[in-house]
Amino acid sequence: MKNNTITLKDKNGKKKTYRVILAAQCSEVGKNIIVYTDDKEKNEEKKAYAIKIDIDGKYKKINKKEFEFLSCMLNNFQK
């Protein structure tokens, strides 16, 4: 993660840069979770995505327990 951005490969293997909204360590599941957006939406509501970083440094989809942790964290963040 650099300058509040993250670079990931899309489905076609092309690199894309996204803006990081939130990065947090989830001690319950022992992973770092990143919430990011592509800033494509022109209105005020933007789509957000989440991934986790495993011990080996690879990005992976979050599971149900991690999603619940993230939802709780984002709800607190909104308040």
N, C-alpha and C. Protein backbone atom coordinates (compact mmCIF):
# COMPACT_ATOMS: atom_id res chain seq x y z
N MET A 1 0.85 -1.16 0.00
CA MET A 1 0.00 0.00 0.00
C MET A 1 0.90 1.23 0.00
N LYS A 2 0.61 2.13 -0.93
CA LYS A 2 1.47 3.29 -1.10
C LYS A 2 0.60 4.51 -1.35
N ASN A 3 0.86 5.61 -0.63
CA ASN A 3 0.12 6.86 -0.81
C ASN A 3 -1.40 6.67 -0.76
N ASN A 4 -1.86 5.84 0.15
CA ASN A 4 -3.28 5.55 0.30
C ASN A 4 -3.90 4.92 -0.94
N THR A 5 -3.10 4.21 -1.71
CA THR A 5 -3.60 3.48 -2.87
C THR A 5 -3.10 2.04 -2.81
N ILE A 6 -3.77 1.21 -3.56
CA ILE A 6 -3.38 -0.19 -3.68
C ILE A 6 -3.51 -0.57 -5.15
N THR A 7 -2.58 -1.34 -5.65
CA THR A 7 -2.62 -1.78 -7.04
C THR A 7 -2.91 -3.27 -7.08
N LEU A 8 -3.96 -3.62 -7.80
CA LEU A 8 -4.40 -5.02 -7.92
C LEU A 8 -4.59 -5.36 -9.39
N LYS A 9 -4.59 -6.63 -9.69
CA LYS A 9 -4.87 -7.08 -11.05
C LYS A 9 -6.36 -7.36 -11.17
N ASP A 10 -6.95 -6.94 -12.31
CA ASP A 10 -8.36 -7.24 -12.55
C ASP A 10 -8.50 -8.65 -13.12
N LYS A 11 -9.70 -9.02 -13.53
CA LYS A 11 -9.97 -10.37 -14.03
C LYS A 11 -9.14 -10.71 -15.26
N ASN A 12 -8.74 -9.68 -16.03
CA ASN A 12 -7.96 -9.89 -17.25
C ASN A 12 -6.46 -9.81 -17.01
N GLY A 13 -6.05 -9.63 -15.75
CA GLY A 13 -4.64 -9.55 -15.42
C GLY A 13 -4.06 -8.15 -15.57
N LYS A 14 -4.90 -7.16 -15.88
CA LYS A 14 -4.44 -5.79 -16.03
C LYS A 14 -4.37 -5.12 -14.66
N LYS A 15 -3.26 -4.41 -14.39
CA LYS A 15 -3.10 -3.73 -13.10
C LYS A 15 -3.96 -2.48 -13.04
N LYS A 16 -4.64 -2.30 -11.89
CA LYS A 16 -5.47 -1.13 -11.65
C LYS A 16 -5.13 -0.58 -10.27
N THR A 17 -5.19 0.73 -10.15
CA THR A 17 -4.92 1.37 -8.87
C THR A 17 -6.23 1.82 -8.24
N TYR A 18 -6.39 1.55 -6.96
CA TYR A 18 -7.59 1.88 -6.21
C TYR A 18 -7.22 2.75 -5.01
N ARG A 19 -8.17 3.55 -4.55
CA ARG A 19 -7.96 4.39 -3.37
C ARG A 19 -8.38 3.61 -2.13
N VAL A 20 -7.51 3.56 -1.14
CA VAL A 20 -7.80 2.87 0.12
C VAL A 20 -8.65 3.77 1.00
N ILE A 21 -9.78 3.22 1.44
CA ILE A 21 -10.68 3.95 2.34
C ILE A 21 -10.30 3.67 3.79
N LEU A 22 -9.99 2.41 4.07
CA LEU A 22 -9.73 2.00 5.44
C LEU A 22 -8.84 0.76 5.43
N ALA A 23 -7.88 0.73 6.33
CA ALA A 23 -7.04 -0.45 6.51
C ALA A 23 -7.05 -0.77 8.00
N ALA A 24 -7.28 -2.03 8.34
CA ALA A 24 -7.37 -2.40 9.76
C ALA A 24 -6.82 -3.79 9.97
N GLN A 25 -6.30 -4.01 11.17
CA GLN A 25 -5.85 -5.33 11.55
C GLN A 25 -6.96 -5.99 12.33
N CYS A 26 -7.34 -7.17 11.90
CA CYS A 26 -8.40 -7.93 12.55
C CYS A 26 -7.74 -9.01 13.40
N SER A 27 -7.54 -8.72 14.69
CA SER A 27 -6.86 -9.67 15.56
C SER A 27 -7.66 -10.95 15.77
N GLU A 28 -9.00 -10.84 15.64
CA GLU A 28 -9.85 -12.03 15.81
C GLU A 28 -9.53 -13.09 14.77
N VAL A 29 -9.20 -12.66 13.56
CA VAL A 29 -8.91 -13.61 12.49
C VAL A 29 -7.45 -13.57 12.06
N GLY A 30 -6.66 -12.69 12.66
CA GLY A 30 -5.22 -12.63 12.39
C GLY A 30 -4.87 -12.16 11.00
N LYS A 31 -5.63 -11.24 10.46
CA LYS A 31 -5.39 -10.75 9.10
C LYS A 31 -5.49 -9.24 9.06
N ASN A 32 -4.90 -8.65 8.03
CA ASN A 32 -5.11 -7.23 7.74
C ASN A 32 -6.19 -7.15 6.68
N ILE A 33 -7.14 -6.25 6.88
CA ILE A 33 -8.24 -6.08 5.95
C ILE A 33 -8.17 -4.68 5.36
N ILE A 34 -8.37 -4.59 4.06
CA ILE A 34 -8.32 -3.31 3.35
C ILE A 34 -9.66 -3.08 2.65
N VAL A 35 -10.23 -1.90 2.86
CA VAL A 35 -11.44 -1.48 2.16
C VAL A 35 -11.00 -0.43 1.15
N TYR A 36 -11.41 -0.61 -0.11
CA TYR A 36 -10.95 0.29 -1.17
C TYR A 36 -12.07 0.59 -2.16
N THR A 37 -11.85 1.61 -3.01
CA THR A 37 -12.83 1.99 -4.03
C THR A 37 -12.10 2.35 -5.32
N ASP A 38 -12.83 2.26 -6.42
CA ASP A 38 -12.24 2.64 -7.70
C ASP A 38 -12.60 4.07 -8.09
N ASP A 39 -13.42 4.73 -7.27
CA ASP A 39 -13.83 6.13 -7.50
C ASP A 39 -14.51 6.36 -8.84
N LYS A 40 -15.10 5.33 -9.43
CA LYS A 40 -15.76 5.50 -10.73
C LYS A 40 -17.11 6.17 -10.63
N GLU A 41 -17.79 5.98 -9.52
CA GLU A 41 -19.13 6.53 -9.38
C GLU A 41 -19.06 8.05 -9.27
N LYS A 42 -19.90 8.73 -10.01
CA LYS A 42 -19.90 10.20 -10.02
C LYS A 42 -20.74 10.78 -8.89
N ASN A 43 -21.75 10.03 -8.43
CA ASN A 43 -22.57 10.53 -7.33
C ASN A 43 -21.84 10.34 -6.01
N GLU A 44 -22.47 10.72 -4.94
CA GLU A 44 -21.81 10.66 -3.63
C GLU A 44 -21.63 9.25 -3.11
N GLU A 45 -22.46 8.31 -3.56
CA GLU A 45 -22.34 6.93 -3.12
C GLU A 45 -21.35 6.18 -4.00
N LYS A 46 -20.30 5.68 -3.42
CA LYS A 46 -19.28 4.94 -4.16
C LYS A 46 -19.33 3.47 -3.76
N LYS A 47 -18.93 2.62 -4.68
CA LYS A 47 -18.84 1.20 -4.36
C LYS A 47 -17.54 0.95 -3.61
N ALA A 48 -17.63 0.15 -2.58
CA ALA A 48 -16.45 -0.21 -1.79
C ALA A 48 -16.24 -1.71 -1.87
N TYR A 49 -14.99 -2.11 -1.84
CA TYR A 49 -14.61 -3.51 -1.91
C TYR A 49 -13.68 -3.81 -0.74
N ALA A 50 -13.58 -5.07 -0.36
CA ALA A 50 -12.71 -5.44 0.75
C ALA A 50 -11.92 -6.69 0.41
N ILE A 51 -10.68 -6.71 0.87
CA ILE A 51 -9.82 -7.88 0.72
C ILE A 51 -9.03 -8.04 2.01
N LYS A 52 -8.40 -9.19 2.15
CA LYS A 52 -7.51 -9.41 3.29
C LYS A 52 -6.12 -9.72 2.75
N ILE A 53 -5.14 -9.48 3.59
CA ILE A 53 -3.77 -9.81 3.25
C ILE A 53 -3.34 -10.95 4.16
N ASP A 54 -3.00 -12.09 3.58
CA ASP A 54 -2.57 -13.24 4.36
C ASP A 54 -1.12 -13.08 4.81
N ILE A 55 -0.68 -13.99 5.65
CA ILE A 55 0.69 -13.97 6.16
C ILE A 55 1.71 -13.98 5.03
N ASP A 56 1.38 -14.67 3.94
CA ASP A 56 2.31 -14.74 2.81
C ASP A 56 2.28 -13.49 1.93
N GLY A 57 1.47 -12.48 2.32
CA GLY A 57 1.42 -11.21 1.59
C GLY A 57 0.49 -11.21 0.39
N LYS A 58 -0.28 -12.28 0.21
CA LYS A 58 -1.19 -12.35 -0.94
C LYS A 58 -2.57 -11.82 -0.56
N TYR A 59 -3.20 -11.18 -1.53
CA TYR A 59 -4.56 -10.66 -1.34
C TYR A 59 -5.57 -11.77 -1.59
N LYS A 60 -6.56 -11.86 -0.71
CA LYS A 60 -7.60 -12.88 -0.84
C LYS A 60 -8.95 -12.29 -0.47
N LYS A 61 -10.02 -12.94 -0.94
CA LYS A 61 -11.37 -12.51 -0.59
C LYS A 61 -11.60 -12.72 0.90
N ILE A 62 -12.46 -11.88 1.48
CA ILE A 62 -12.77 -12.04 2.89
C ILE A 62 -13.87 -13.09 3.07
N ASN A 63 -13.87 -13.74 4.23
CA ASN A 63 -14.89 -14.75 4.52
C ASN A 63 -15.99 -14.13 5.39
N LYS A 64 -16.96 -14.94 5.79
CA LYS A 64 -18.12 -14.45 6.54
C LYS A 64 -17.72 -13.81 7.87
N LYS A 65 -16.84 -14.44 8.62
CA LYS A 65 -16.41 -13.90 9.92
C LYS A 65 -15.70 -12.55 9.73
N GLU A 66 -14.86 -12.46 8.71
CA GLU A 66 -14.15 -11.21 8.43
C GLU A 66 -15.12 -10.13 7.96
N PHE A 67 -16.14 -10.53 7.19
CA PHE A 67 -17.15 -9.57 6.74
C PHE A 67 -17.92 -9.01 7.93
N GLU A 68 -18.27 -9.86 8.88
CA GLU A 68 -18.98 -9.41 10.08
C GLU A 68 -18.13 -8.42 10.88
N PHE A 69 -16.84 -8.72 11.04
CA PHE A 69 -15.93 -7.81 11.72
C PHE A 69 -15.87 -6.47 10.99
N LEU A 70 -15.75 -6.54 9.69
CA LEU A 70 -15.66 -5.34 8.86
C LEU A 70 -16.94 -4.51 8.93
N SER A 71 -18.08 -5.16 8.88
CA SER A 71 -19.36 -4.45 8.96
C SER A 71 -19.48 -3.71 10.28
N CYS A 72 -19.11 -4.36 11.37
CA CYS A 72 -19.16 -3.73 12.69
C CYS A 72 -18.20 -2.53 12.74
N MET A 73 -17.00 -2.72 12.21
CA MET A 73 -16.02 -1.65 12.20
C MET A 73 -16.48 -0.45 11.38
N LEU A 74 -17.06 -0.71 10.22
CA LEU A 74 -17.53 0.37 9.36
C LEU A 74 -18.73 1.11 9.97
N ASN A 75 -19.60 0.37 10.64
CA ASN A 75 -20.72 1.01 11.34
C ASN A 75 -20.22 1.96 12.43
N ASN A 76 -19.21 1.53 13.18
CA ASN A 76 -18.61 2.39 14.20
C ASN A 76 -17.90 3.58 13.57
N PHE A 77 -17.27 3.35 12.45
CA PHE A 77 -16.55 4.41 11.73
C PHE A 77 -17.51 5.48 11.24
N GLN A 78 -18.70 5.07 10.79
CA GLN A 78 -19.70 6.00 10.29
C GLN A 78 -20.23 6.91 11.39
N LYS A 79 -20.34 6.37 12.59
CA LYS A 79 -20.87 7.14 13.73
C LYS A 79 -19.87 8.18 14.11
